């Protein structure tokens, strides 16, 4: 690749796309071909049943765009409901790093006191479960 092209990709932060695995490229290629096949098949099917080619093209485009939009929104809603969003993951990572940093800053005495408190809480929770 020319260096100007690589510089442009790095500038646009698209170089991560080049680092995709072969399976990811195959996935995108497969579904691109599959969508093209579906589009063409639907177009020719509409023409076969007697729909005007211009109207058939409009219908195919409308169905394809609406289908992809609804599909994308449904995957988005699924990720939101499972809290699998980028922000939620970043927040979990941040919280764990903050906790690690706090644990690193504790002295031995503070660590032992914290461990005793955790053991005490565990035993208290176990006794509550037994009572229920």
N, C-alpha and C. Protein backbone atom coordinates (compact mmCIF):
# COMPACT_ATOMS: atom_id res chain seq x y z
N UNK A 1 0.84 -1.18 0.00
CA UNK A 1 0.00 0.00 0.00
C UNK A 1 0.89 1.24 0.00
N UNK A 2 0.46 2.26 -0.71
CA UNK A 2 1.22 3.52 -0.68
C UNK A 2 1.18 4.14 0.71
N UNK A 3 2.26 4.82 1.05
CA UNK A 3 2.34 5.39 2.40
C UNK A 3 1.29 6.48 2.61
N UNK A 4 0.93 7.20 1.56
CA UNK A 4 -0.09 8.25 1.71
C UNK A 4 -1.43 7.62 2.08
N UNK A 5 -1.73 6.47 1.49
CA UNK A 5 -2.97 5.78 1.79
C UNK A 5 -2.99 5.29 3.23
N UNK A 6 -1.87 4.75 3.69
CA UNK A 6 -1.76 4.27 5.07
C UNK A 6 -1.89 5.45 6.03
N UNK A 7 -1.25 6.56 5.69
CA UNK A 7 -1.35 7.76 6.53
C UNK A 7 -2.79 8.25 6.61
N UNK A 8 -3.48 8.19 5.47
CA UNK A 8 -4.88 8.61 5.47
C UNK A 8 -5.74 7.69 6.33
N UNK A 9 -5.48 6.38 6.25
CA UNK A 9 -6.23 5.44 7.07
C UNK A 9 -5.97 5.67 8.56
N UNK A 10 -4.72 5.92 8.91
CA UNK A 10 -4.41 6.19 10.31
C UNK A 10 -5.04 7.50 10.76
N UNK A 11 -5.04 8.49 9.87
CA UNK A 11 -5.64 9.76 10.21
C UNK A 11 -7.13 9.60 10.47
N UNK A 12 -7.78 8.80 9.67
CA UNK A 12 -9.21 8.58 9.80
C UNK A 12 -9.53 7.50 10.82
N UNK A 13 -8.51 6.90 11.41
CA UNK A 13 -8.65 5.83 12.40
C UNK A 13 -9.42 4.63 11.83
N UNK A 14 -9.13 4.31 10.58
CA UNK A 14 -9.76 3.16 9.95
C UNK A 14 -8.78 1.99 9.85
N UNK A 15 -7.57 2.17 10.37
CA UNK A 15 -6.58 1.10 10.25
C UNK A 15 -6.98 -0.13 11.04
N UNK A 16 -7.87 0.01 12.01
CA UNK A 16 -8.33 -1.16 12.75
C UNK A 16 -9.13 -2.09 11.84
N UNK A 17 -9.77 -1.53 10.80
CA UNK A 17 -10.50 -2.37 9.87
C UNK A 17 -9.55 -3.31 9.12
N UNK A 18 -8.34 -2.81 8.84
CA UNK A 18 -7.36 -3.64 8.14
C UNK A 18 -6.87 -4.79 9.01
N UNK A 19 -6.98 -4.63 10.33
CA UNK A 19 -6.50 -5.65 11.24
C UNK A 19 -7.56 -6.70 11.55
N UNK A 20 -8.72 -6.62 10.89
CA UNK A 20 -9.78 -7.60 11.10
C UNK A 20 -9.28 -8.98 10.70
N UNK A 21 -9.79 -9.96 11.36
CA UNK A 21 -9.40 -11.31 11.01
C UNK A 21 -10.02 -11.70 9.68
N UNK A 22 -9.50 -12.76 9.12
CA UNK A 22 -10.02 -13.25 7.84
C UNK A 22 -11.49 -13.65 7.99
N UNK A 23 -11.85 -14.20 9.13
CA UNK A 23 -13.24 -14.60 9.34
C UNK A 23 -14.19 -13.41 9.29
N UNK A 24 -13.75 -12.26 9.82
CA UNK A 24 -14.60 -11.07 9.79
C UNK A 24 -14.78 -10.58 8.35
N UNK A 25 -13.70 -10.59 7.57
CA UNK A 25 -13.82 -10.18 6.18
C UNK A 25 -14.72 -11.15 5.42
N UNK A 26 -14.59 -12.44 5.67
CA UNK A 26 -15.45 -13.43 5.02
C UNK A 26 -16.90 -13.23 5.41
N UNK A 27 -17.15 -12.89 6.66
CA UNK A 27 -18.51 -12.65 7.14
C UNK A 27 -19.15 -11.50 6.37
N UNK A 28 -18.42 -10.37 6.27
CA UNK A 28 -18.96 -9.21 5.57
C UNK A 28 -19.14 -9.50 4.09
N UNK A 29 -18.21 -10.20 3.49
CA UNK A 29 -18.30 -10.54 2.08
C UNK A 29 -19.50 -11.45 1.84
N UNK A 30 -19.67 -12.46 2.68
CA UNK A 30 -20.78 -13.40 2.53
C UNK A 30 -22.11 -12.68 2.60
N UNK A 31 -22.30 -11.82 3.61
CA UNK A 31 -23.59 -11.16 3.76
C UNK A 31 -23.81 -10.09 2.70
N UNK A 32 -22.75 -9.49 2.18
CA UNK A 32 -22.91 -8.54 1.07
C UNK A 32 -23.42 -9.27 -0.16
N UNK A 33 -22.82 -10.42 -0.47
CA UNK A 33 -23.26 -11.21 -1.62
C UNK A 33 -24.68 -11.73 -1.39
N UNK A 34 -24.97 -12.16 -0.16
CA UNK A 34 -26.30 -12.68 0.16
C UNK A 34 -27.36 -11.59 -0.01
N UNK A 35 -27.09 -10.37 0.46
CA UNK A 35 -28.06 -9.28 0.30
C UNK A 35 -28.25 -8.93 -1.17
N UNK A 36 -27.20 -8.96 -1.95
CA UNK A 36 -27.31 -8.69 -3.39
C UNK A 36 -28.18 -9.77 -4.05
N UNK A 37 -27.96 -11.01 -3.65
CA UNK A 37 -28.75 -12.12 -4.19
C UNK A 37 -30.23 -11.97 -3.82
N UNK A 38 -30.51 -11.63 -2.58
CA UNK A 38 -31.90 -11.45 -2.13
C UNK A 38 -32.55 -10.31 -2.90
N UNK A 39 -31.82 -9.21 -3.07
CA UNK A 39 -32.35 -8.05 -3.77
C UNK A 39 -32.69 -8.41 -5.21
N UNK A 40 -31.77 -9.04 -5.90
CA UNK A 40 -31.99 -9.39 -7.30
C UNK A 40 -33.13 -10.40 -7.45
N UNK A 41 -33.16 -11.38 -6.57
CA UNK A 41 -34.22 -12.40 -6.64
C UNK A 41 -35.59 -11.76 -6.43
N UNK A 42 -35.69 -10.89 -5.45
CA UNK A 42 -36.96 -10.23 -5.16
C UNK A 42 -37.38 -9.34 -6.34
N UNK A 43 -36.40 -8.63 -6.93
CA UNK A 43 -36.67 -7.76 -8.06
C UNK A 43 -37.22 -8.56 -9.24
N UNK A 44 -36.55 -9.67 -9.58
CA UNK A 44 -37.01 -10.47 -10.71
C UNK A 44 -38.31 -11.20 -10.41
N UNK A 45 -38.53 -11.56 -9.16
CA UNK A 45 -39.80 -12.17 -8.78
C UNK A 45 -40.95 -11.19 -8.98
N UNK A 46 -40.75 -9.94 -8.57
CA UNK A 46 -41.78 -8.93 -8.76
C UNK A 46 -42.05 -8.68 -10.24
N UNK A 47 -41.00 -8.68 -11.05
CA UNK A 47 -41.18 -8.49 -12.48
C UNK A 47 -41.92 -9.69 -13.08
N UNK A 48 -41.61 -10.87 -12.58
CA UNK A 48 -42.25 -12.09 -13.10
C UNK A 48 -43.75 -12.08 -12.84
N UNK A 49 -44.18 -11.55 -11.69
CA UNK A 49 -45.62 -11.52 -11.39
C UNK A 49 -46.30 -10.33 -12.03
N UNK A 50 -45.56 -9.51 -12.79
CA UNK A 50 -46.19 -8.46 -13.58
C UNK A 50 -46.04 -7.04 -13.06
N UNK A 51 -45.19 -6.82 -12.09
CA UNK A 51 -44.98 -5.46 -11.58
C UNK A 51 -44.03 -4.73 -12.52
N UNK A 52 -44.31 -3.45 -12.75
CA UNK A 52 -43.46 -2.61 -13.60
C UNK A 52 -42.04 -2.60 -13.04
N UNK A 53 -41.00 -2.67 -13.88
CA UNK A 53 -39.61 -2.70 -13.37
C UNK A 53 -39.25 -1.50 -12.49
N UNK A 54 -39.75 -0.32 -12.82
CA UNK A 54 -39.46 0.85 -12.00
C UNK A 54 -40.09 0.72 -10.62
N UNK A 55 -41.34 0.29 -10.59
CA UNK A 55 -42.01 0.07 -9.30
C UNK A 55 -41.36 -1.07 -8.53
N UNK A 56 -40.97 -2.12 -9.24
CA UNK A 56 -40.32 -3.26 -8.58
C UNK A 56 -39.02 -2.81 -7.91
N UNK A 57 -38.26 -1.97 -8.60
CA UNK A 57 -37.02 -1.45 -8.02
C UNK A 57 -37.29 -0.64 -6.77
N UNK A 58 -38.33 0.19 -6.82
CA UNK A 58 -38.68 1.00 -5.65
C UNK A 58 -39.12 0.13 -4.48
N UNK A 59 -39.94 -0.88 -4.77
CA UNK A 59 -40.42 -1.76 -3.71
C UNK A 59 -39.25 -2.53 -3.09
N UNK A 60 -38.38 -3.05 -3.95
CA UNK A 60 -37.22 -3.82 -3.44
C UNK A 60 -36.35 -2.93 -2.56
N UNK A 61 -36.09 -1.71 -3.02
CA UNK A 61 -35.25 -0.80 -2.24
C UNK A 61 -35.90 -0.45 -0.91
N UNK A 62 -37.20 -0.19 -0.93
CA UNK A 62 -37.92 0.15 0.29
C UNK A 62 -37.88 -1.02 1.28
N UNK A 63 -38.18 -2.22 0.80
CA UNK A 63 -38.19 -3.39 1.67
C UNK A 63 -36.79 -3.65 2.23
N UNK A 64 -35.77 -3.52 1.39
CA UNK A 64 -34.40 -3.77 1.84
C UNK A 64 -33.97 -2.75 2.91
N UNK A 65 -34.23 -1.48 2.65
CA UNK A 65 -33.83 -0.44 3.60
C UNK A 65 -34.60 -0.58 4.91
N UNK A 66 -35.90 -0.79 4.82
CA UNK A 66 -36.69 -0.95 6.05
C UNK A 66 -36.27 -2.21 6.81
N UNK A 67 -36.03 -3.29 6.08
CA UNK A 67 -35.60 -4.53 6.74
C UNK A 67 -34.28 -4.38 7.44
N UNK A 68 -33.31 -3.75 6.77
CA UNK A 68 -32.01 -3.54 7.40
C UNK A 68 -32.12 -2.59 8.59
N UNK A 69 -32.95 -1.57 8.46
CA UNK A 69 -33.12 -0.61 9.56
C UNK A 69 -33.74 -1.29 10.79
N UNK A 70 -34.81 -2.03 10.56
CA UNK A 70 -35.46 -2.73 11.67
C UNK A 70 -34.50 -3.76 12.28
N UNK A 71 -33.76 -4.45 11.42
CA UNK A 71 -32.78 -5.42 11.93
C UNK A 71 -31.71 -4.76 12.78
N UNK A 72 -31.19 -3.63 12.32
CA UNK A 72 -30.15 -2.94 13.08
C UNK A 72 -30.69 -2.44 14.41
N UNK A 73 -31.90 -1.86 14.38
CA UNK A 73 -32.50 -1.35 15.61
C UNK A 73 -32.75 -2.49 16.60
N UNK A 74 -33.18 -3.64 16.09
CA UNK A 74 -33.44 -4.77 17.00
C UNK A 74 -32.14 -5.26 17.64
N UNK A 75 -31.04 -5.30 16.90
CA UNK A 75 -29.77 -5.70 17.53
C UNK A 75 -29.33 -4.67 18.55
N UNK A 76 -29.58 -3.40 18.26
CA UNK A 76 -29.24 -2.34 19.20
C UNK A 76 -30.05 -2.48 20.48
N UNK A 77 -31.35 -2.71 20.34
CA UNK A 77 -32.20 -2.87 21.53
C UNK A 77 -31.80 -4.11 22.33
N UNK A 78 -31.40 -5.17 21.64
CA UNK A 78 -30.94 -6.37 22.32
C UNK A 78 -29.68 -6.08 23.14
N UNK A 79 -28.75 -5.32 22.55
CA UNK A 79 -27.53 -4.98 23.29
C UNK A 79 -27.83 -4.05 24.46
N UNK A 80 -28.78 -3.14 24.29
CA UNK A 80 -29.16 -2.25 25.38
C UNK A 80 -29.78 -3.04 26.51
N UNK A 81 -30.67 -3.97 26.19
CA UNK A 81 -31.35 -4.74 27.23
C UNK A 81 -30.38 -5.66 27.98
N UNK A 82 -29.33 -6.12 27.31
CA UNK A 82 -28.33 -6.97 27.96
C UNK A 82 -27.18 -6.18 28.57
N UNK A 83 -27.25 -4.86 28.49
CA UNK A 83 -26.20 -3.97 28.98
C UNK A 83 -24.85 -4.35 28.39
N UNK A 84 -24.86 -4.59 27.08
CA UNK A 84 -23.65 -4.97 26.36
C UNK A 84 -23.19 -3.82 25.47
N UNK A 85 -23.45 -2.60 25.93
CA UNK A 85 -23.08 -1.42 25.16
C UNK A 85 -21.64 -1.02 25.47
N UNK A 86 -21.05 -0.26 24.59
CA UNK A 86 -19.67 0.19 24.76
C UNK A 86 -19.52 0.98 26.06
N UNK A 87 -20.45 1.89 26.32
CA UNK A 87 -20.36 2.72 27.53
C UNK A 87 -20.41 1.86 28.78
N UNK A 88 -21.31 0.90 28.82
CA UNK A 88 -21.44 0.04 30.00
C UNK A 88 -20.16 -0.77 30.21
N UNK A 89 -19.56 -1.25 29.13
CA UNK A 89 -18.31 -2.01 29.24
C UNK A 89 -17.18 -1.10 29.73
N UNK A 90 -17.11 0.12 29.20
CA UNK A 90 -16.10 1.06 29.65
C UNK A 90 -16.28 1.39 31.12
N UNK A 91 -17.52 1.55 31.55
CA UNK A 91 -17.79 1.85 32.95
C UNK A 91 -17.36 0.70 33.85
N UNK A 92 -17.65 -0.55 33.45
CA UNK A 92 -17.22 -1.70 34.24
C UNK A 92 -15.69 -1.78 34.31
N UNK A 93 -15.02 -1.54 33.18
CA UNK A 93 -13.56 -1.56 33.18
C UNK A 93 -12.99 -0.47 34.09
N UNK A 94 -13.59 0.72 34.03
CA UNK A 94 -13.12 1.82 34.85
C UNK A 94 -13.29 1.50 36.34
N UNK A 95 -14.47 0.96 36.70
CA UNK A 95 -14.72 0.63 38.10
C UNK A 95 -13.74 -0.43 38.60
N UNK A 96 -13.46 -1.43 37.80
CA UNK A 96 -12.52 -2.47 38.25
C UNK A 96 -11.11 -1.91 38.38
N UNK A 97 -10.71 -1.01 37.50
CA UNK A 97 -9.37 -0.42 37.61
C UNK A 97 -9.27 0.49 38.83
N UNK A 98 -10.35 1.21 39.13
CA UNK A 98 -10.35 2.06 40.32
C UNK A 98 -10.22 1.19 41.57
N UNK A 99 -10.96 0.08 41.60
CA UNK A 99 -10.87 -0.82 42.76
C UNK A 99 -9.48 -1.43 42.89
N UNK A 100 -8.86 -1.80 41.77
CA UNK A 100 -7.49 -2.33 41.81
C UNK A 100 -6.54 -1.28 42.36
N UNK A 101 -6.70 -0.04 41.91
CA UNK A 101 -5.83 1.05 42.37
C UNK A 101 -6.01 1.28 43.87
N UNK A 102 -7.25 1.22 44.33
CA UNK A 102 -7.50 1.42 45.76
C UNK A 102 -6.89 0.28 46.57
N UNK A 103 -7.01 -0.96 46.06
CA UNK A 103 -6.43 -2.09 46.78
C UNK A 103 -4.91 -2.00 46.84
N UNK A 104 -4.29 -1.49 45.77
CA UNK A 104 -2.84 -1.34 45.77
C UNK A 104 -2.39 -0.32 46.81
N UNK A 105 -3.22 0.68 47.07
CA UNK A 105 -2.86 1.73 48.02
C UNK A 105 -3.08 1.37 49.48
N UNK A 106 -3.72 0.23 49.76
CA UNK A 106 -3.99 -0.16 51.15
C UNK A 106 -2.76 -0.78 51.79
N UNK A 107 -2.63 -0.54 53.08
CA UNK A 107 -1.55 -1.17 53.83
C UNK A 107 -1.96 -2.59 54.21
N UNK A 108 -1.01 -3.35 54.76
CA UNK A 108 -1.30 -4.74 55.16
C UNK A 108 -2.40 -4.79 56.22
N UNK A 109 -2.33 -3.89 57.19
CA UNK A 109 -3.33 -3.88 58.26
C UNK A 109 -4.72 -3.57 57.70
N UNK A 110 -4.79 -2.62 56.79
CA UNK A 110 -6.07 -2.29 56.18
C UNK A 110 -6.60 -3.46 55.34
N UNK A 111 -5.72 -4.15 54.64
CA UNK A 111 -6.13 -5.31 53.86
C UNK A 111 -6.69 -6.42 54.74
N UNK A 112 -6.01 -6.67 55.85
CA UNK A 112 -6.48 -7.71 56.76
C UNK A 112 -7.82 -7.33 57.38
N UNK A 113 -8.00 -6.06 57.73
CA UNK A 113 -9.28 -5.61 58.28
C UNK A 113 -10.38 -5.75 57.23
N UNK A 114 -10.05 -5.45 56.00
CA UNK A 114 -11.02 -5.58 54.92
C UNK A 114 -11.39 -7.05 54.70
N UNK A 115 -10.41 -7.94 54.74
CA UNK A 115 -10.67 -9.37 54.59
C UNK A 115 -11.53 -9.90 55.73
N UNK A 116 -11.26 -9.44 56.95
CA UNK A 116 -12.08 -9.86 58.09
C UNK A 116 -13.52 -9.40 57.92
N UNK A 117 -13.69 -8.19 57.44
CA UNK A 117 -15.03 -7.66 57.22
C UNK A 117 -15.76 -8.47 56.13
N UNK A 118 -15.05 -8.85 55.07
CA UNK A 118 -15.65 -9.65 54.01
C UNK A 118 -16.07 -11.01 54.55
N UNK A 119 -15.20 -11.65 55.34
CA UNK A 119 -15.55 -12.95 55.92
C UNK A 119 -16.76 -12.84 56.85
N UNK A 120 -16.80 -11.75 57.60
CA UNK A 120 -17.93 -11.51 58.51
C UNK A 120 -19.22 -11.35 57.72
N UNK A 121 -19.16 -10.60 56.62
CA UNK A 121 -20.34 -10.42 55.77
C UNK A 121 -20.77 -11.74 55.13
N UNK A 122 -19.81 -12.56 54.73
CA UNK A 122 -20.15 -13.87 54.15
C UNK A 122 -20.86 -14.75 55.16
N UNK A 123 -20.35 -14.77 56.37
CA UNK A 123 -20.99 -15.61 57.39
C UNK A 123 -22.38 -15.09 57.73
N UNK A 124 -22.55 -13.77 57.76
CA UNK A 124 -23.85 -13.18 58.03
C UNK A 124 -24.84 -13.53 56.92
N UNK A 125 -24.39 -13.49 55.66
CA UNK A 125 -25.26 -13.83 54.53
C UNK A 125 -25.62 -15.31 54.56
N UNK A 126 -24.67 -16.17 54.92
CA UNK A 126 -24.94 -17.60 55.00
C UNK A 126 -25.97 -17.90 56.08
N UNK A 127 -25.86 -17.20 57.22
CA UNK A 127 -26.83 -17.43 58.31
C UNK A 127 -28.22 -16.94 57.90
N UNK A 128 -28.31 -15.86 57.14
CA UNK A 128 -29.61 -15.37 56.65
C UNK A 128 -30.24 -16.38 55.70
N UNK A 129 -29.43 -16.96 54.83
CA UNK A 129 -29.95 -17.94 53.87
C UNK A 129 -30.45 -19.18 54.58
N UNK A 130 -29.78 -19.57 55.66
CA UNK A 130 -30.21 -20.73 56.40
C UNK A 130 -31.53 -20.48 57.12
N UNK A 131 -31.73 -19.24 57.59
CA UNK A 131 -32.96 -18.89 58.28
C UNK A 131 -34.16 -18.90 57.34
N UNK A 132 -33.92 -18.60 56.08
CA UNK A 132 -35.04 -18.56 55.11
C UNK A 132 -35.32 -19.97 54.72
